[in-house]
C-alpha atoms as a PDB file:
ATOM      1  CA  MET A   1     -24.178  11.589  -7.588  1.00  0.00           C
ATOM      2  CA  THR A   2     -24.699   7.819  -7.977  1.00  0.00           C
ATOM      3  CA  THR A   3     -22.508   6.305 -10.814  1.00  0.00           C
ATOM      4  CA  PHE A   4     -23.994   3.358 -12.378  1.00  0.00           C
ATOM      5  CA  MET A   5     -22.115   0.364 -14.443  1.00  0.00           C
ATOM      6  CA  GLU A   6     -23.003   0.145 -18.227  1.00  0.00           C
ATOM      7  CA  ASN A   7     -21.286  -3.256 -18.008  1.00  0.00           C
ATOM      8  CA  PRO A   8     -21.660  -4.751 -14.927  1.00  0.00           C
ATOM      9  CA  VAL A   9     -18.860  -7.011 -13.914  1.00  0.00           C
ATOM     10  CA  LEU A  10     -19.953 -10.555 -13.617  1.00  0.00           C
ATOM     11  CA  PRO A  11     -19.015 -12.778 -10.617  1.00  0.00           C
ATOM     12  CA  VAL A  12     -16.105 -14.686 -11.508  1.00  0.00           C
ATOM     13  CA  VAL A  13     -16.835 -17.300  -8.761  1.00  0.00           C
ATOM     14  CA  ALA A  14     -19.842 -19.055  -8.066  1.00  0.00           C
ATOM     15  CA  ALA A  15     -21.816 -17.852  -5.080  1.00  0.00           C
ATOM     16  CA  ASP A  16     -21.756 -21.490  -3.584  1.00  0.00           C
ATOM     17  CA  LYS A  17     -17.803 -21.456  -3.722  1.00  0.00           C
ATOM     18  CA  ALA A  18     -17.759 -17.315  -2.811  1.00  0.00           C
ATOM     19  CA  ARG A  19     -14.918 -16.512  -0.343  1.00  0.00           C
ATOM     20  CA  SER A  20     -14.947 -12.788   0.204  1.00  0.00           C
ATOM     21  CA  TRP A  21     -18.337 -11.188   0.786  1.00  0.00           C
ATOM     22  CA  LEU A  22     -17.987  -7.654   0.881  1.00  0.00           C
ATOM     23  CA  LEU A  23     -20.855  -5.664   2.782  1.00  0.00           C
ATOM     24  CA  VAL A  24     -21.523  -2.361   1.355  1.00  0.00           C
ATOM     25  CA  PRO A  25     -23.645   0.406   3.080  1.00  0.00           C
ATOM     26  CA  ALA A  26     -26.656   1.233   1.308  1.00  0.00           C
ATOM     27  CA  SER A  27     -26.326   4.984   2.750  1.00  0.00           C
ATOM     28  CA  LYS A  28     -23.138   5.048   0.391  1.00  0.00           C
ATOM     29  CA  PRO A  29     -24.551   4.711  -3.378  1.00  0.00           C
ATOM     30  CA  ASP A  30     -21.200   6.178  -4.440  1.00  0.00           C
ATOM     31  CA  LEU A  31     -19.298   3.132  -3.170  1.00  0.00           C
ATOM     32  CA  PHE A  32     -21.379   0.456  -5.085  1.00  0.00           C
ATOM     33  CA  THR A  33     -19.814   0.192  -8.668  1.00  0.00           C
ATOM     34  CA  PRO A  34     -16.302   0.293  -6.989  1.00  0.00           C
ATOM     35  CA  ALA A  35     -17.307  -2.481  -4.598  1.00  0.00           C
ATOM     36  CA  ALA A  36     -18.416  -4.399  -7.880  1.00  0.00           C
ATOM     37  CA  GLU A  37     -15.315  -3.947  -9.335  1.00  0.00           C
ATOM     38  CA  SER A  38     -13.310  -4.885  -6.595  1.00  0.00           C
ATOM     39  CA  ALA A  39     -11.427  -8.339  -6.144  1.00  0.00           C
ATOM     40  CA  VAL A  40     -14.060  -9.496  -3.588  1.00  0.00           C
ATOM     41  CA  ASP A  41     -16.246 -12.768  -4.745  1.00  0.00           C
ATOM     42  CA  ALA A  42     -19.336 -10.854  -3.858  1.00  0.00           C
ATOM     43  CA  ILE A  43     -20.780  -7.755  -2.605  1.00  0.00           C
ATOM     44  CA  ILE A  44     -23.618  -7.450  -0.353  1.00  0.00           C
ATOM     45  CA  LEU A  45     -25.337  -3.928  -0.101  1.00  0.00           C
ATOM     46  CA  ASP A  46     -26.370  -3.816   3.559  1.00  0.00           C
ATOM     47  CA  ILE A  47     -29.711  -1.952   4.122  1.00  0.00           C
ATOM     48  CA  GLU A  48     -29.771  -3.318   7.564  1.00  0.00           C
ATOM     49  CA  ASP A  49     -26.948  -2.605  10.494  1.00  0.00           C
ATOM     50  CA  ALA A  50     -25.016  -0.203   8.068  1.00  0.00           C
ATOM     51  CA  VAL A  51     -28.481   2.264   7.855  1.00  0.00           C
ATOM     52  CA  ALA A  52     -30.167   4.227  10.790  1.00  0.00           C
ATOM     53  CA  PRO A  53     -33.919   3.611  10.672  1.00  0.00           C
ATOM     54  CA  GLY A  54     -34.748   6.800   9.608  1.00  0.00           C
ATOM     55  CA  ALA A  55     -32.551   6.561   6.342  1.00  0.00           C
ATOM     56  CA  LYS A  56     -33.317   3.029   5.357  1.00  0.00           C
ATOM     57  CA  PRO A  57     -36.183   4.394   2.665  1.00  0.00           C
ATOM     58  CA  ALA A  58     -33.747   6.348   0.883  1.00  0.00           C
ATOM     59  CA  ALA A  59     -30.940   3.910   1.045  1.00  0.00           C
ATOM     60  CA  ARG A  60     -33.293   0.896  -0.107  1.00  0.00           C
ATOM     61  CA  ASP A  61     -34.409   3.571  -3.340  1.00  0.00           C
ATOM     62  CA  ALA A  62     -30.717   3.863  -4.164  1.00  0.00           C
ATOM     63  CA  VAL A  63     -29.866   0.074  -4.022  1.00  0.00           C
ATOM     64  CA  VAL A  64     -33.299  -0.713  -6.202  1.00  0.00           C
ATOM     65  CA  SER A  65     -31.894   1.900  -8.599  1.00  0.00           C
ATOM     66  CA  TRP A  66     -28.522   1.114  -8.856  1.00  0.00           C
ATOM     67  CA  LEU A  67     -29.838  -2.854  -9.431  1.00  0.00           C
ATOM     68  CA  ARG A  68     -32.347  -1.762 -12.220  1.00  0.00           C
ATOM     69  CA  ALA A  69     -29.307   0.230 -13.890  1.00  0.00           C
ATOM     70  CA  GLY A  70     -27.365  -2.974 -14.135  1.00  0.00           C
ATOM     71  CA  GLY A  71     -25.442  -3.416 -11.511  1.00  0.00           C
ATOM     72  CA  ARG A  72     -25.530  -7.089  -9.630  1.00  0.00           C
ATOM     73  CA  ALA A  73     -25.252  -7.607  -5.867  1.00  0.00           C
ATOM     74  CA  TRP A  74     -26.554  -9.365  -3.121  1.00  0.00           C
ATOM     75  CA  VAL A  75     -28.691  -7.229  -0.696  1.00  0.00           C
ATOM     76  CA  ARG A  76     -28.933  -7.728   3.335  1.00  0.00           C
ATOM     77  CA  ILE A  77     -32.364  -7.246   4.064  1.00  0.00           C
ATOM     78  CA  ASN A  78     -33.880  -6.295   7.514  1.00  0.00           C
ATOM     79  CA  ASP A  79     -34.743  -8.997   9.676  1.00  0.00           C
ATOM     80  CA  ALA A  80     -38.322 -10.624   9.515  1.00  0.00           C
ATOM     81  CA  THR A  81     -39.308  -9.171  12.946  1.00  0.00           C
ATOM     82  CA  THR A  82     -39.043  -5.347  11.851  1.00  0.00           C
ATOM     83  CA  GLU A  83     -41.462  -2.935   9.948  1.00  0.00           C
ATOM     84  CA  PHE A  84     -38.374  -2.413   7.315  1.00  0.00           C
ATOM     85  CA  TRP A  85     -38.656  -6.469   6.152  1.00  0.00           C
ATOM     86  CA  ALA A  86     -41.670  -6.416   4.190  1.00  0.00           C
ATOM     87  CA  ASP A  87     -40.555  -3.293   2.542  1.00  0.00           C
ATOM     88  CA  ASP A  88     -37.549  -4.462   1.449  1.00  0.00           C
ATOM     89  CA  LEU A  89     -38.599  -7.523   0.083  1.00  0.00           C
ATOM     90  CA  GLU A  90     -41.500  -5.444  -2.141  1.00  0.00           C
ATOM     91  CA  ALA A  91     -38.765  -2.945  -3.427  1.00  0.00           C
ATOM     92  CA  LEU A  92     -36.676  -5.901  -4.312  1.00  0.00           C
ATOM     93  CA  ARG A  93     -39.175  -8.374  -5.855  1.00  0.00           C
ATOM     94  CA  GLY A  94     -38.454  -9.123  -9.604  1.00  0.00           C
ATOM     95  CA  ILE A  95     -35.151  -7.575 -10.120  1.00  0.00           C
ATOM     96  CA  ASP A  96     -33.556  -9.438 -12.580  1.00  0.00           C
ATOM     97  CA  THR A  97     -29.914  -8.319 -11.486  1.00  0.00           C
ATOM     98  CA  LEU A  98     -30.662  -9.323  -7.700  1.00  0.00           C
ATOM     99  CA  GLU A  99     -28.010 -12.211  -6.727  1.00  0.00           C
ATOM    100  CA  GLY A 100     -29.992 -13.079  -3.731  1.00  0.00           C
ATOM    101  CA  VAL A 101     -30.801 -11.455  -0.103  1.00  0.00           C
ATOM    102  CA  MET A 102     -29.228 -12.026   3.159  1.00  0.00           C
ATOM    103  CA  LEU A 103     -31.985 -12.359   5.722  1.00  0.00           C
ATOM    104  CA  ALA A 104     -30.475 -10.505   8.751  1.00  0.00           C
ATOM    105  CA  LYS A 105     -30.857 -12.122  12.468  1.00  0.00           C
ATOM    106  CA  THR A 106     -32.538 -15.507  11.117  1.00  0.00           C
ATOM    107  CA  GLU A 107     -33.993 -17.669  13.750  1.00  0.00           C
ATOM    108  CA  SER A 108     -35.836 -19.865  12.262  1.00  0.00           C
ATOM    109  CA  GLY A 109     -36.763 -22.064   8.779  1.00  0.00           C
ATOM    110  CA  SER A 110     -40.049 -20.229   8.546  1.00  0.00           C
ATOM    111  CA  GLN A 111     -38.595 -16.853   8.275  1.00  0.00           C
ATOM    112  CA  VAL A 112     -36.491 -18.004   5.675  1.00  0.00           C
ATOM    113  CA  GLU A 113     -39.653 -19.618   3.826  1.00  0.00           C
ATOM    114  CA  ALA A 114     -42.069 -16.451   4.501  1.00  0.00           C
ATOM    115  CA  THR A 115     -38.998 -14.318   2.605  1.00  0.00           C
ATOM    116  CA  ALA A 116     -38.905 -16.500  -0.071  1.00  0.00           C
ATOM    117  CA  ALA A 117     -42.659 -16.540  -0.641  1.00  0.00           C
ATOM    118  CA  ARG A 118     -42.575 -12.876  -0.654  1.00  0.00           C
ATOM    119  CA  LEU A 119     -39.730 -12.575  -3.091  1.00  0.00           C
ATOM    120  CA  GLY A 120     -40.804 -15.008  -5.753  1.00  0.00           C
ATOM    121  CA  GLU A 121     -39.404 -18.465  -7.082  1.00  0.00           C
ATOM    122  CA  GLY A 122     -35.713 -19.147  -7.613  1.00  0.00           C
ATOM    123  CA  CYS A 123     -34.318 -16.082  -5.300  1.00  0.00           C
ATOM    124  CA  ARG A 124     -31.446 -17.302  -3.147  1.00  0.00           C
ATOM    125  CA  ILE A 125     -31.185 -16.649   0.497  1.00  0.00           C
ATOM    126  CA  VAL A 126     -28.202 -16.512   2.824  1.00  0.00           C
ATOM    127  CA  ALA A 127     -29.712 -16.930   6.456  1.00  0.00           C
ATOM    128  CA  LEU A 128     -27.412 -14.695   8.804  1.00  0.00           C
ATOM    129  CA  VAL A 129     -27.554 -16.216  12.074  1.00  0.00           C
ATOM    130  CA  GLU A 130     -26.929 -13.690  15.053  1.00  0.00           C
ATOM    131  CA  SER A 131     -28.139 -14.726  18.278  1.00  0.00           C
ATOM    132  CA  ALA A 132     -28.582 -18.000  20.543  1.00  0.00           C
ATOM    133  CA  MET A 133     -32.145 -18.500  18.993  1.00  0.00           C
ATOM    134  CA  GLY A 134     -30.659 -18.429  15.604  1.00  0.00           C
ATOM    135  CA  LEU A 135     -28.017 -20.939  16.760  1.00  0.00           C
ATOM    136  CA  GLU A 136     -30.205 -23.007  18.238  1.00  0.00           C
ATOM    137  CA  ALA A 137     -32.673 -23.378  14.957  1.00  0.00           C
ATOM    138  CA  ALA A 138     -29.465 -23.502  12.745  1.00  0.00           C
ATOM    139  CA  PRO A 139     -30.362 -27.264  11.572  1.00  0.00           C
ATOM    140  CA  GLU A 140     -33.789 -25.973  10.640  1.00  0.00           C
ATOM    141  CA  ILE A 141     -32.838 -22.930   9.043  1.00  0.00           C
ATOM    142  CA  ALA A 142     -30.321 -24.874   6.999  1.00  0.00           C
ATOM    143  CA  ARG A 143     -33.110 -27.656   5.938  1.00  0.00           C
ATOM    144  CA  ALA A 144     -35.660 -24.899   4.884  1.00  0.00           C
ATOM    145  CA  GLU A 145     -35.943 -25.174   1.106  1.00  0.00           C
ATOM    146  CA  ALA A 146     -34.854 -21.907  -0.145  1.00  0.00           C
ATOM    147  CA  THR A 147     -31.920 -21.294   2.159  1.00  0.00           C
ATOM    148  CA  PHE A 148     -28.915 -21.171  -0.094  1.00  0.00           C
ATOM    149  CA  ARG A 149     -26.140 -20.843   2.311  1.00  0.00           C
ATOM    150  CA  LEU A 150     -25.690 -19.821   6.227  1.00  0.00           C
ATOM    151  CA  ALA A 151     -23.594 -17.116   7.779  1.00  0.00           C
ATOM    152  CA  PHE A 152     -22.139 -16.145  10.953  1.00  0.00           C
ATOM    153  CA  GLY A 153     -22.896 -12.642  12.479  1.00  0.00           C
ATOM    154  CA  SER A 154     -20.192 -12.827  15.066  1.00  0.00           C
ATOM    155  CA  GLY A 155     -20.587  -9.777  16.421  1.00  0.00           C
ATOM    156  CA  ASP A 156     -24.542  -9.408  17.370  1.00  0.00           C
ATOM    157  CA  PHE A 157     -23.916 -13.161  18.244  1.00  0.00           C
ATOM    158  CA  ARG A 158     -21.218 -12.287  20.892  1.00  0.00           C
ATOM    159  CA  ARG A 159     -23.496  -9.203  21.778  1.00  0.00           C
ATOM    160  CA  ASP A 160     -26.554 -11.723  22.482  1.00  0.00           C
ATOM    161  CA  THR A 161     -24.667 -14.339  24.462  1.00  0.00           C
ATOM    162  CA  GLY A 162     -22.002 -12.096  26.248  1.00  0.00           C
ATOM    163  CA  MET A 163     -19.177 -14.391  24.710  1.00  0.00           C
ATOM    164  CA  SER A 164     -15.751 -13.437  24.012  1.00  0.00           C
ATOM    165  CA  ASP A 165     -14.365 -13.380  20.404  1.00  0.00           C
ATOM    166  CA  ASP A 166     -11.690 -15.847  21.768  1.00  0.00           C
ATOM    167  CA  PRO A 167     -11.626 -18.413  18.932  1.00  0.00           C
ATOM    168  CA  MET A 168     -12.045 -21.033  21.839  1.00  0.00           C
ATOM    169  CA  ALA A 169     -15.395 -19.264  23.084  1.00  0.00           C
ATOM    170  CA  MET A 170     -16.382 -18.988  19.176  1.00  0.00           C
ATOM    171  CA  SER A 171     -15.556 -22.721  17.960  1.00  0.00           C
ATOM    172  CA  TYR A 172     -18.972 -23.906  19.001  1.00  0.00           C
ATOM    173  CA  PRO A 173     -21.227 -21.616  16.984  1.00  0.00           C
ATOM    174  CA  ARG A 174     -18.745 -22.024  14.128  1.00  0.00           C
ATOM    175  CA  ALA A 175     -18.901 -25.702  14.259  1.00  0.00           C
ATOM    176  CA  ARG A 176     -22.458 -26.009  14.731  1.00  0.00           C
ATOM    177  CA  LEU A 177     -22.925 -23.783  11.521  1.00  0.00           C
ATOM    178  CA  VAL A 178     -20.924 -26.115   9.501  1.00  0.00           C
ATOM    179  CA  VAL A 179     -22.408 -29.348  10.827  1.00  0.00           C
ATOM    180  CA  SER A 180     -25.804 -28.149  10.280  1.00  0.00           C
ATOM    181  CA  SER A 181     -24.834 -26.962   6.727  1.00  0.00           C
ATOM    182  CA  ARG A 182     -23.101 -30.430   5.787  1.00  0.00           C
ATOM    183  CA  ALA A 183     -26.021 -32.264   7.439  1.00  0.00           C
ATOM    184  CA  ALA A 184     -28.365 -29.925   4.852  1.00  0.00           C
ATOM    185  CA  ARG A 185     -26.248 -30.388   1.977  1.00  0.00           C
ATOM    186  CA  LEU A 186     -25.266 -26.966   1.585  1.00  0.00           C
ATOM    187  CA  PRO A 187     -21.956 -25.095   1.030  1.00  0.00           C
ATOM    188  CA  GLY A 188     -19.988 -24.348   3.668  1.00  0.00           C
ATOM    189  CA  PRO A 189     -21.232 -21.219   5.853  1.00  0.00           C
ATOM    190  CA  ILE A 190     -19.917 -17.849   5.611  1.00  0.00           C
ATOM    191  CA  ASP A 191     -17.859 -16.609   8.814  1.00  0.00           C
ATOM    192  CA  GLY A 192     -18.160 -13.305  10.446  1.00  0.00           C
ATOM    193  CA  PRO A 193     -15.813 -10.457   9.482  1.00  0.00           C
ATOM    194  CA  THR A 194     -12.576  -9.273  10.822  1.00  0.00           C
ATOM    195  CA  LEU A 195     -13.005  -5.586  11.904  1.00  0.00           C
ATOM    196  CA  ALA A 196      -9.525  -4.785  12.819  1.00  0.00           C
ATOM    197  CA  VAL A 197      -7.427  -2.864   9.913  1.00  0.00           C
ATOM    198  CA  ASN A 198      -4.795  -5.482  10.283  1.00  0.00           C
ATOM    199  CA  ASP A 199      -3.483  -7.754   7.381  1.00  0.00           C
ATOM    200  CA  SER A 200      -1.746 -10.046   9.973  1.00  0.00           C
ATOM    201  CA  MET A 201      -4.734 -10.202  12.030  1.00  0.00           C
ATOM    202  CA  LEU A 202      -6.981 -10.885   8.889  1.00  0.00           C
ATOM    203  CA  SER A 203      -4.588 -13.519   7.556  1.00  0.00           C
ATOM    204  CA  ARG A 204      -4.861 -15.528  10.838  1.00  0.00           C
ATOM    205  CA  ASP A 205      -8.657 -15.005  11.386  1.00  0.00           C
ATOM    206  CA  SER A 206      -9.295 -16.354   7.793  1.00  0.00           C
ATOM    207  CA  GLN A 207      -7.146 -19.442   8.622  1.00  0.00           C
ATOM    208  CA  LEU A 208      -8.924 -19.856  11.599  1.00  0.00           C
ATOM    209  CA  THR A 209     -12.128 -20.006   9.095  1.00  0.00           C
ATOM    210  CA  VAL A 210     -10.680 -22.620   7.297  1.00  0.00           C
ATOM    211  CA  SER A 211      -9.851 -24.523  10.326  1.00  0.00           C
ATOM    212  CA  MET A 212     -13.204 -24.586  11.377  1.00  0.00           C
ATOM    213  CA  GLY A 213     -14.552 -25.786   7.882  1.00  0.00           C
ATOM    214  CA  MET A 214     -16.025 -22.577   6.813  1.00  0.00           C
ATOM    215  CA  THR A 215     -15.748 -21.655   3.043  1.00  0.00           C
ATOM    216  CA  GLY A 216     -16.407 -17.769   2.979  1.00  0.00           C
ATOM    217  CA  LYS A 217     -15.712 -14.913   5.048  1.00  0.00           C
ATOM    218  CA  LEU A 218     -17.540 -11.302   5.389  1.00  0.00           C
ATOM    219  CA  CYS A 219     -15.168  -8.469   4.710  1.00  0.00           C
ATOM    220  CA  MET A 220     -15.807  -4.580   5.568  1.00  0.00           C
ATOM    221  CA  HIS A 221     -13.422  -3.094   3.206  1.00  0.00           C
ATOM    222  CA  SER A 222     -12.752  -4.232  -0.350  1.00  0.00           C
ATOM    223  CA  ASP A 223      -9.115  -4.403   0.395  1.00  0.00           C
ATOM    224  CA  GLN A 224      -9.666  -7.158   2.537  1.00  0.00           C
ATOM    225  CA  GLY A 225     -10.875  -9.536  -0.361  1.00  0.00           C
ATOM    226  CA  PRO A 226      -7.288 -10.615  -1.684  1.00  0.00           C
ATOM    227  CA  ILE A 227      -6.067 -12.069   1.739  1.00  0.00           C
ATOM    228  CA  VAL A 228      -9.445 -13.684   2.394  1.00  0.00           C
ATOM    229  CA  ASN A 229      -9.535 -15.068  -1.063  1.00  0.00           C
ATOM    230  CA  LYS A 230      -5.975 -16.551  -0.741  1.00  0.00           C
ATOM    231  CA  GLU A 231      -6.274 -17.811   2.507  1.00  0.00           C
ATOM    232  CA  LEU A 232      -9.689 -19.388   1.700  1.00  0.00           C
ATOM    233  CA  ALA A 233      -8.397 -21.337  -1.474  1.00  0.00           C
ATOM    234  CA  PRO A 234      -5.378 -23.813  -1.418  1.00  0.00           C
ATOM    235  CA  SER A 235      -1.938 -22.660  -1.812  1.00  0.00           C
ATOM    236  CA  VAL A 236       0.392 -23.441  -4.533  1.00  0.00           C
ATOM    237  CA  GLN A 237       1.967 -25.800  -2.506  1.00  0.00           C
ATOM    238  CA  ASP A 238      -1.181 -27.428  -1.743  1.00  0.00           C
ATOM    239  CA  VAL A 239      -1.825 -27.948  -5.335  1.00  0.00           C
ATOM    240  CA  ALA A 240       1.604 -29.465  -6.301  1.00  0.00           C
ATOM    241  CA  TRP A 241       0.671 -32.033  -3.127  1.00  0.00           C
ATOM    242  CA  ALA A 242      -2.828 -32.726  -4.807  1.00  0.00           C
ATOM    243  CA  LYS A 243      -1.069 -33.258  -8.079  1.00  0.00           C
ATOM    244  CA  GLU A 244       1.418 -35.607  -6.850  1.00  0.00           C
ATOM    245  CA  VAL A 245      -0.989 -37.450  -4.763  1.00  0.00           C
ATOM    246  CA  ILE A 246      -3.280 -38.304  -7.958  1.00  0.00           C
ATOM    247  CA  GLU A 247      -0.146 -39.231  -9.859  1.00  0.00           C
ATOM    248  CA  GLN A 248       0.704 -42.015  -7.559  1.00  0.00           C
ATOM    249  CA  LEU A 249      -2.737 -43.329  -6.782  1.00  0.00           C
ATOM    250  CA  GLY A 250      -4.558 -42.875 -10.023  1.00  0.00           C
ATOM    251  CA  GLU A 251      -7.379 -40.744 -10.633  1.00  0.00           C
ATOM    252  CA  ASP A 252      -9.634 -43.922 -10.769  1.00  0.00           C
ATOM    253  CA  GLY A 253      -7.924 -44.993  -7.437  1.00  0.00           C
ATOM    254  CA  SER A 254      -5.797 -47.652  -9.120  1.00  0.00           C
ATOM    255  CA  GLY A 255      -2.775 -47.076  -7.033  1.00  0.00           C
ATOM    256  CA  VAL A 256      -4.379 -47.300  -3.446  1.00  0.00           C
ATOM    257  CA  ARG A 257      -2.655 -49.670  -1.418  1.00  0.00           C
ATOM    258  CA  ASP A 258      -4.288 -49.323   2.130  1.00  0.00           C
ATOM    259  CA  GLY A 259      -7.235 -47.580   3.667  1.00  0.00           C
ATOM    260  CA  SER A 260      -5.250 -44.066   4.455  1.00  0.00           C
ATOM    261  CA  ASP A 261      -4.877 -43.826   0.603  1.00  0.00           C
ATOM    262  CA  LEU A 262      -8.525 -43.308  -0.083  1.00  0.00           C
ATOM    263  CA  PRO A 263      -9.161 -40.082   2.138  1.00  0.00           C
ATOM    264  CA  ARG A 264      -5.803 -38.689   0.758  1.00  0.00           C
ATOM    265  CA  LEU A 265      -7.048 -39.475  -2.787  1.00  0.00           C
ATOM    266  CA  ALA A 266     -10.279 -37.469  -1.815  1.00  0.00           C
ATOM    267  CA  LYS A 267      -8.541 -34.668  -0.179  1.00  0.00           C
ATOM    268  CA  ALA A 268      -6.315 -34.289  -3.391  1.00  0.00           C
ATOM    269  CA  LYS A 269      -9.401 -34.293  -5.952  1.00  0.00           C
ATOM    270  CA  LYS A 270     -11.136 -31.403  -3.701  1.00  0.00           C
ATOM    271  CA  ILE A 271      -7.697 -29.268  -3.833  1.00  0.00           C
ATOM    272  CA  THR A 272      -7.512 -29.836  -7.332  1.00  0.00           C
ATOM    273  CA  ALA A 273     -11.319 -28.741  -7.973  1.00  0.00           C
ATOM    274  CA  GLN A 274     -11.000 -26.017  -5.708  1.00  0.00           C
ATOM    275  CA  ALA A 275      -7.583 -24.978  -7.672  1.00  0.00           C
ATOM    276  CA  ALA A 276      -9.474 -24.625 -11.095  1.00  0.00           C
ATOM    277  CA  ILE A 277     -12.193 -22.763  -9.796  1.00  0.00           C
ATOM    278  CA  PHE A 278      -9.900 -20.313  -8.174  1.00  0.00           C
ATOM    279  CA  SER A 279      -7.236 -20.416 -11.113  1.00  0.00           C
ATOM    280  CA  ILE A 280      -4.409 -21.553  -8.850  1.00  0.00           C
ATOM    281  CA  GLY A 281      -1.597 -23.477 -10.185  1.00  0.00           C
END
């Protein structure tokens, strides 16, 4: 029997700053509430890749029932070229506790806008880029009015292109999503998941995410959340450095001595702002 939350736990971190995004198979409704109560910043109930075609109607119904009972979550819907897309949107339209949708296999800005038109005004859309066509259209997708954030479907992208998971091979698609997001004034994109159940590998991959300028990461298991959250936030040492820089240069920049000080001050202010958001230091 599905367990519903009487008092759902509201997200502590706003979605534009969320680091860990947990994918939860919609075919397993007993996992919904534990996922919502875990340490991740956001949960995504997945009725796309995580559910076989024949099981999608039942999984969709389970998601809708849980949301209407008070649960809050994002939902990964099927891509706009499938027969399931319209049914997903019809079922989700008007549900107040829907945080937004993740549109699978996004390949154009028009797919984002068509999704938004069916969901109704104000619904947030994370566009999941998972193919060569999607990556080529990344600037257009990012500039679509309804796009809230970009995400990288790294596994499907590798299958589509034949590229390996080597960081060098994946640097171009990650960088393109970062640049497209920044140019469109979106939050940093969400990186693909680490599939291996290995904390060291997850930590390493999360550090790579940060180095590429991405600010979120998909998770496959709730216990990945704390590691992703730690790596995608400033360290205590970073915060101490930032405070020292601000003390030296002044919040208003009155202590700036040369051109190199301004970038340092800007970085320090960014770190302290993140520290406040994530309750660090």
